[in-house]
Amino acid sequence: MNAYQHILVGLDLTEECPQILQKAAALAQVCGAKLTVAHVIEPLTFAYGGDMPIDLSEVQDQLQIKAEQELIRLIRNADCTVEQEHVLVGQAATELHHLAKQINADLIAVGSHGRKGFALLLGSTSNSVLHGAGCDVLAIRVSGEG
């Protein structure tokens, strides 16, 4: 079995992100793989139902700028080599699938809270990424509330 060549890490910018990034970076180092990180912002028109009679594009732009800054801060603090970083707008699983295909990633790594019961039945981002991915998916179990 060949080692991974390009790992895409989906980060939700929560407090668990540093441990997800560290584990993915360690795997990339062992495999000699490139590492790309991405964060996906849900469009405000979807998040708020789309019926608001106001222009939310400026708010969306500010959210994107803040996410880009946070992603760069996370990478800098992790002290790892990242090939590319992306902040995308859309549905997380769909955007990660598209980006993985675009950059020829052969592994998508995401955090997982290991939920049980109703939370498991209702699904999660990591579960959504798993279904429909064109490559392997690694769910990195994170500790913390959730």
Protein backbone atom coordinates (compact mmCIF):
# COMPACT_ATOMS: atom_id res chain seq x y z
CA MET A 1 0.00 0.00 0.00
CA ASN A 2 1.37 3.39 -0.98
CA ALA A 3 1.70 6.17 1.57
CA TYR A 4 -0.56 9.18 1.27
CA GLN A 5 0.70 11.88 -1.10
CA HIS A 6 -1.61 14.82 -0.28
CA ILE A 7 -3.69 15.22 2.87
CA LEU A 8 -6.56 17.70 3.07
CA VAL A 9 -7.51 18.70 6.62
CA GLY A 10 -10.98 20.15 7.16
CA LEU A 11 -11.00 22.46 10.19
CA ASP A 12 -14.06 24.01 11.79
CA LEU A 13 -12.02 26.59 13.76
CA THR A 14 -13.15 25.31 17.16
CA GLU A 15 -10.83 24.88 20.12
CA GLU A 16 -10.07 21.28 19.10
CA CYS A 17 -8.49 22.33 15.78
CA PRO A 18 -4.89 22.44 17.04
CA GLN A 19 -4.99 18.74 17.99
CA ILE A 20 -6.56 17.80 14.65
CA LEU A 21 -3.94 19.79 12.73
CA GLN A 22 -1.08 18.34 14.81
CA LYS A 23 -2.18 14.74 14.17
CA ALA A 24 -2.69 15.36 10.45
CA ALA A 25 0.68 17.14 10.21
CA ALA A 26 2.41 14.22 11.97
CA LEU A 27 0.81 11.79 9.51
CA ALA A 28 1.84 13.98 6.57
CA GLN A 29 5.40 14.06 7.86
CA VAL A 30 5.56 10.27 8.25
CA CYS A 31 4.13 9.77 4.75
CA GLY A 32 6.11 12.55 3.13
CA ALA A 33 2.75 14.00 2.03
CA LYS A 34 1.74 17.54 1.19
CA LEU A 35 -0.69 19.10 3.67
CA THR A 36 -3.55 21.42 2.74
CA VAL A 37 -5.96 22.91 5.28
CA ALA A 38 -9.46 24.19 4.61
CA HIS A 39 -12.32 25.80 6.49
CA VAL A 40 -15.82 26.01 5.05
CA ILE A 41 -18.20 28.84 5.94
CA GLU A 42 -21.87 28.20 5.42
CA PRO A 43 -23.43 30.96 3.28
CA LEU A 44 -25.45 33.39 5.36
CA THR A 45 -28.43 33.09 3.05
CA PHE A 46 -28.55 29.38 3.95
CA ALA A 47 -27.78 29.89 7.63
CA TYR A 48 -30.53 32.45 8.10
CA GLY A 49 -33.15 31.09 5.76
CA GLY A 50 -32.55 33.52 2.93
CA ASP A 51 -35.72 35.59 3.62
CA MET A 52 -34.01 38.58 5.21
CA PRO A 53 -34.52 41.72 3.12
CA ILE A 54 -30.98 42.99 3.81
CA ASP A 55 -27.69 42.61 2.00
CA LEU A 56 -25.53 40.19 3.99
CA SER A 57 -22.58 40.19 1.58
CA GLU A 58 -20.52 42.57 3.74
CA VAL A 59 -21.08 40.37 6.80
CA GLN A 60 -20.16 37.30 4.71
CA ASP A 61 -16.94 39.04 3.60
CA GLN A 62 -16.05 39.87 7.21
CA LEU A 63 -16.65 36.26 8.27
CA GLN A 64 -14.38 35.07 5.49
CA ILE A 65 -11.60 37.51 6.44
CA LYS A 66 -11.83 36.49 10.10
CA ALA A 67 -11.74 32.79 9.15
CA GLU A 68 -8.67 33.33 6.94
CA GLN A 69 -6.88 35.10 9.80
CA GLU A 70 -7.78 32.33 12.25
CA LEU A 71 -6.63 29.62 9.84
CA ILE A 72 -3.27 31.34 9.37
CA ARG A 73 -2.92 31.74 13.16
CA LEU A 74 -3.64 28.03 13.67
CA ILE A 75 -1.06 27.02 11.07
CA ARG A 76 1.56 29.35 12.54
CA ASN A 77 0.95 28.03 16.07
CA ALA A 78 1.08 24.41 14.88
CA ASP A 79 4.55 25.02 13.44
CA CYS A 80 3.96 22.70 10.49
CA THR A 81 4.45 23.01 6.77
CA VAL A 82 1.19 23.63 4.93
CA GLU A 83 1.13 23.59 1.15
CA GLN A 84 -2.12 25.59 0.80
CA GLU A 85 -4.90 26.99 2.94
CA HIS A 86 -8.44 27.61 1.75
CA VAL A 87 -11.52 29.31 3.16
CA LEU A 88 -14.53 28.21 1.14
CA VAL A 89 -18.20 29.13 1.23
CA GLY A 90 -20.78 26.38 0.95
CA GLN A 91 -21.76 23.08 2.55
CA ALA A 92 -18.74 21.59 4.34
CA ALA A 93 -18.81 18.03 2.96
CA THR A 94 -19.52 19.12 -0.60
CA GLU A 95 -16.81 21.78 -0.60
CA LEU A 96 -14.23 19.41 0.93
CA HIS A 97 -15.09 16.75 -1.68
CA HIS A 98 -14.65 19.28 -4.51
CA LEU A 99 -11.40 20.66 -3.10
CA ALA A 100 -9.97 17.17 -2.52
CA LYS A 101 -10.64 16.31 -6.15
CA GLN A 102 -9.25 19.64 -7.38
CA ILE A 103 -5.95 19.28 -5.47
CA ASN A 104 -5.70 15.49 -5.95
CA ALA A 105 -5.84 14.78 -2.21
CA ASP A 106 -5.82 11.09 -1.38
CA LEU A 107 -6.89 11.58 2.26
CA ILE A 108 -9.35 13.96 3.90
CA ALA A 109 -8.83 14.34 7.65
CA VAL A 110 -11.58 15.82 9.84
CA GLY A 111 -12.27 16.00 13.54
CA SER A 112 -14.88 13.80 15.15
CA HIS A 113 -16.44 14.10 18.58
CA GLY A 114 -17.44 10.43 18.65
CA ARG A 115 -21.05 11.30 19.39
CA LYS A 116 -23.57 8.64 20.29
CA GLY A 117 -27.32 8.31 20.31
CA PHE A 118 -29.38 11.02 18.62
CA ALA A 119 -26.34 13.09 17.68
CA LEU A 120 -24.95 10.08 15.80
CA LEU A 121 -28.28 9.37 14.10
CA LEU A 122 -28.67 12.97 12.99
CA GLY A 123 -25.24 12.89 11.40
CA SER A 124 -22.23 15.12 11.59
CA THR A 125 -19.86 16.90 9.29
CA SER A 126 -17.31 14.09 9.54
CA ASN A 127 -20.00 11.55 8.64
CA SER A 128 -21.11 13.70 5.69
CA VAL A 129 -17.52 13.96 4.49
CA LEU A 130 -17.13 10.18 4.67
CA HIS A 131 -20.13 9.56 2.42
CA GLY A 132 -19.42 10.70 -1.09
CA ALA A 133 -15.68 11.19 -0.71
CA GLY A 134 -13.58 10.10 -3.66
CA CYS A 135 -10.65 9.23 -1.39
CA ASP A 136 -9.95 7.90 2.11
CA VAL A 137 -11.34 9.81 5.08
CA LEU A 138 -9.72 9.90 8.50
CA ALA A 139 -11.89 10.92 11.45
CA ILE A 140 -9.58 12.22 14.17
CA ARG A 141 -11.26 11.80 17.54
CA VAL A 142 -11.07 14.98 19.55
CA SER A 143 -11.47 15.44 23.24
CA GLY A 144 -13.56 18.24 24.65
CA GLU A 145 -17.19 19.13 25.01
CA GLY A 146 -19.48 18.12 22.20
